[in-house]
Amino acid sequence: MAYKIADTCISCGACEAECPVSAISAGDGLYVIDANTCIDCGACANVCPVGAPAQE
C-alpha cells in the first residue's frame, strides 16, 4: 500500500530528499507521492515534521 501526503503538508521538502525511488515531487501547495512508484518504505514519514505522509 503506497503512502499519500495529507493536507497538513507544509511543503518543507524533507520527504522528497529521503525517498529512495524519487516518488515524491512538489505539487500545488503540498508535495505528492506517485502511488505507482512508491515502495512503501516509510522513509518520508520518518522525516516529516508534521506527519503528513501516511499509508493509504
N, C-alpha and C. Protein backbone atom coordinates (compact mmCIF):
# COMPACT_ATOMS: atom_id res chain seq x y z
N MET A 1 0.85 -1.18 0.00
CA MET A 1 0.00 0.00 0.00
C MET A 1 0.89 1.24 0.00
N ALA A 2 0.69 2.12 -0.93
CA ALA A 2 1.51 3.32 -1.09
C ALA A 2 1.19 4.37 -0.02
N TYR A 3 2.12 5.28 0.15
CA TYR A 3 1.91 6.40 1.05
C TYR A 3 1.23 7.53 0.29
N LYS A 4 0.54 8.38 1.02
CA LYS A 4 -0.09 9.57 0.46
C LYS A 4 0.20 10.72 1.42
N ILE A 5 0.38 11.92 0.88
CA ILE A 5 0.67 13.08 1.72
C ILE A 5 -0.63 13.83 1.99
N ALA A 6 -0.90 14.07 3.26
CA ALA A 6 -2.14 14.73 3.69
C ALA A 6 -2.05 16.24 3.53
N ASP A 7 -3.19 16.89 3.68
CA ASP A 7 -3.29 18.34 3.56
C ASP A 7 -2.50 19.09 4.62
N THR A 8 -2.01 18.39 5.62
CA THR A 8 -1.22 19.04 6.68
C THR A 8 0.20 19.34 6.22
N CYS A 9 0.56 18.93 5.02
CA CYS A 9 1.90 19.17 4.45
C CYS A 9 2.23 20.67 4.46
N ILE A 10 3.45 20.99 4.91
CA ILE A 10 3.88 22.39 4.95
C ILE A 10 4.89 22.70 3.85
N SER A 11 5.05 21.78 2.91
CA SER A 11 5.94 21.95 1.75
C SER A 11 7.39 22.24 2.13
N CYS A 12 7.88 21.56 3.14
CA CYS A 12 9.26 21.79 3.57
C CYS A 12 10.26 21.05 2.68
N GLY A 13 9.83 19.98 2.01
CA GLY A 13 10.70 19.23 1.11
C GLY A 13 11.52 18.14 1.74
N ALA A 14 11.40 17.94 3.04
CA ALA A 14 12.21 16.92 3.72
C ALA A 14 11.93 15.53 3.17
N CYS A 15 10.69 15.25 2.85
CA CYS A 15 10.32 13.92 2.36
C CYS A 15 10.90 13.63 0.99
N GLU A 16 10.91 14.61 0.12
CA GLU A 16 11.39 14.41 -1.25
C GLU A 16 12.84 13.94 -1.27
N ALA A 17 13.66 14.53 -0.44
CA ALA A 17 15.08 14.17 -0.39
C ALA A 17 15.31 12.77 0.16
N GLU A 18 14.40 12.27 0.98
CA GLU A 18 14.56 10.96 1.61
C GLU A 18 14.04 9.80 0.78
N CYS A 19 13.21 10.06 -0.19
CA CYS A 19 12.60 8.98 -0.98
C CYS A 19 13.65 8.27 -1.84
N PRO A 20 13.86 6.97 -1.62
CA PRO A 20 14.90 6.25 -2.37
C PRO A 20 14.53 5.96 -3.83
N VAL A 21 13.26 6.14 -4.20
CA VAL A 21 12.84 5.86 -5.57
C VAL A 21 12.29 7.11 -6.28
N SER A 22 12.51 8.26 -5.70
CA SER A 22 12.07 9.55 -6.28
C SER A 22 10.58 9.57 -6.63
N ALA A 23 9.76 9.06 -5.73
CA ALA A 23 8.31 9.02 -5.94
C ALA A 23 7.62 10.30 -5.48
N ILE A 24 8.36 11.21 -4.84
CA ILE A 24 7.77 12.42 -4.27
C ILE A 24 8.19 13.64 -5.07
N SER A 25 7.23 14.51 -5.34
CA SER A 25 7.52 15.74 -6.07
C SER A 25 6.64 16.86 -5.53
N ALA A 26 7.06 18.09 -5.81
CA ALA A 26 6.29 19.26 -5.37
C ALA A 26 5.01 19.35 -6.18
N GLY A 27 3.91 19.52 -5.47
CA GLY A 27 2.62 19.68 -6.13
C GLY A 27 2.13 21.10 -5.96
N ASP A 28 0.85 21.29 -6.06
CA ASP A 28 0.25 22.61 -5.92
C ASP A 28 -0.01 22.90 -4.45
N GLY A 29 0.98 23.46 -3.76
CA GLY A 29 0.83 23.82 -2.36
C GLY A 29 1.29 22.76 -1.38
N LEU A 30 1.48 21.53 -1.85
CA LEU A 30 1.98 20.47 -0.99
C LEU A 30 2.67 19.43 -1.87
N TYR A 31 3.41 18.56 -1.25
CA TYR A 31 4.10 17.52 -2.00
C TYR A 31 3.16 16.37 -2.29
N VAL A 32 3.44 15.61 -3.35
CA VAL A 32 2.61 14.48 -3.74
C VAL A 32 3.50 13.25 -3.95
N ILE A 33 2.90 12.09 -3.74
CA ILE A 33 3.60 10.82 -3.91
C ILE A 33 2.96 10.06 -5.07
N ASP A 34 3.77 9.60 -6.01
CA ASP A 34 3.29 8.77 -7.10
C ASP A 34 3.08 7.36 -6.56
N ALA A 35 1.82 6.95 -6.45
CA ALA A 35 1.49 5.65 -5.86
C ALA A 35 2.06 4.49 -6.65
N ASN A 36 2.26 4.66 -7.95
CA ASN A 36 2.81 3.59 -8.78
C ASN A 36 4.31 3.41 -8.58
N THR A 37 4.99 4.43 -8.06
CA THR A 37 6.43 4.37 -7.85
C THR A 37 6.77 4.07 -6.39
N CYS A 38 5.93 4.49 -5.46
CA CYS A 38 6.17 4.32 -4.03
C CYS A 38 6.37 2.84 -3.68
N ILE A 39 7.41 2.56 -2.89
CA ILE A 39 7.71 1.18 -2.48
C ILE A 39 7.31 0.93 -1.03
N ASP A 40 6.58 1.85 -0.43
CA ASP A 40 6.04 1.68 0.91
C ASP A 40 7.12 1.48 1.98
N CYS A 41 8.22 2.22 1.84
CA CYS A 41 9.32 2.05 2.78
C CYS A 41 9.17 2.89 4.05
N GLY A 42 8.42 4.00 3.97
CA GLY A 42 8.19 4.85 5.13
C GLY A 42 9.28 5.87 5.41
N ALA A 43 10.26 5.99 4.53
CA ALA A 43 11.34 6.97 4.75
C ALA A 43 10.78 8.38 4.84
N CYS A 44 9.79 8.69 4.03
CA CYS A 44 9.20 10.02 4.04
C CYS A 44 8.50 10.31 5.37
N ALA A 45 7.78 9.33 5.86
CA ALA A 45 7.06 9.50 7.12
C ALA A 45 8.01 9.70 8.30
N ASN A 46 9.17 9.08 8.22
CA ASN A 46 10.14 9.17 9.32
C ASN A 46 10.77 10.55 9.45
N VAL A 47 10.80 11.34 8.37
CA VAL A 47 11.45 12.65 8.41
C VAL A 47 10.49 13.83 8.41
N CYS A 48 9.21 13.57 8.17
CA CYS A 48 8.24 14.67 8.08
C CYS A 48 7.99 15.29 9.46
N PRO A 49 8.17 16.62 9.56
CA PRO A 49 7.98 17.29 10.85
C PRO A 49 6.52 17.40 11.28
N VAL A 50 5.58 17.21 10.35
CA VAL A 50 4.16 17.32 10.70
C VAL A 50 3.39 16.02 10.48
N GLY A 51 4.08 14.96 10.14
CA GLY A 51 3.44 13.66 9.97
C GLY A 51 2.47 13.57 8.79
N ALA A 52 2.73 14.33 7.73
CA ALA A 52 1.82 14.36 6.59
C ALA A 52 1.78 13.05 5.80
N PRO A 53 2.91 12.39 5.54
CA PRO A 53 2.82 11.12 4.80
C PRO A 53 2.23 10.01 5.65
N ALA A 54 1.25 9.32 5.08
CA ALA A 54 0.62 8.18 5.77
C ALA A 54 0.23 7.16 4.73
N GLN A 55 0.10 5.91 5.17
CA GLN A 55 -0.32 4.87 4.26
C GLN A 55 -1.77 5.05 3.88
N GLU A 56 -2.08 4.80 2.62
CA GLU A 56 -3.46 4.92 2.13
C GLU A 56 -4.29 3.79 2.66
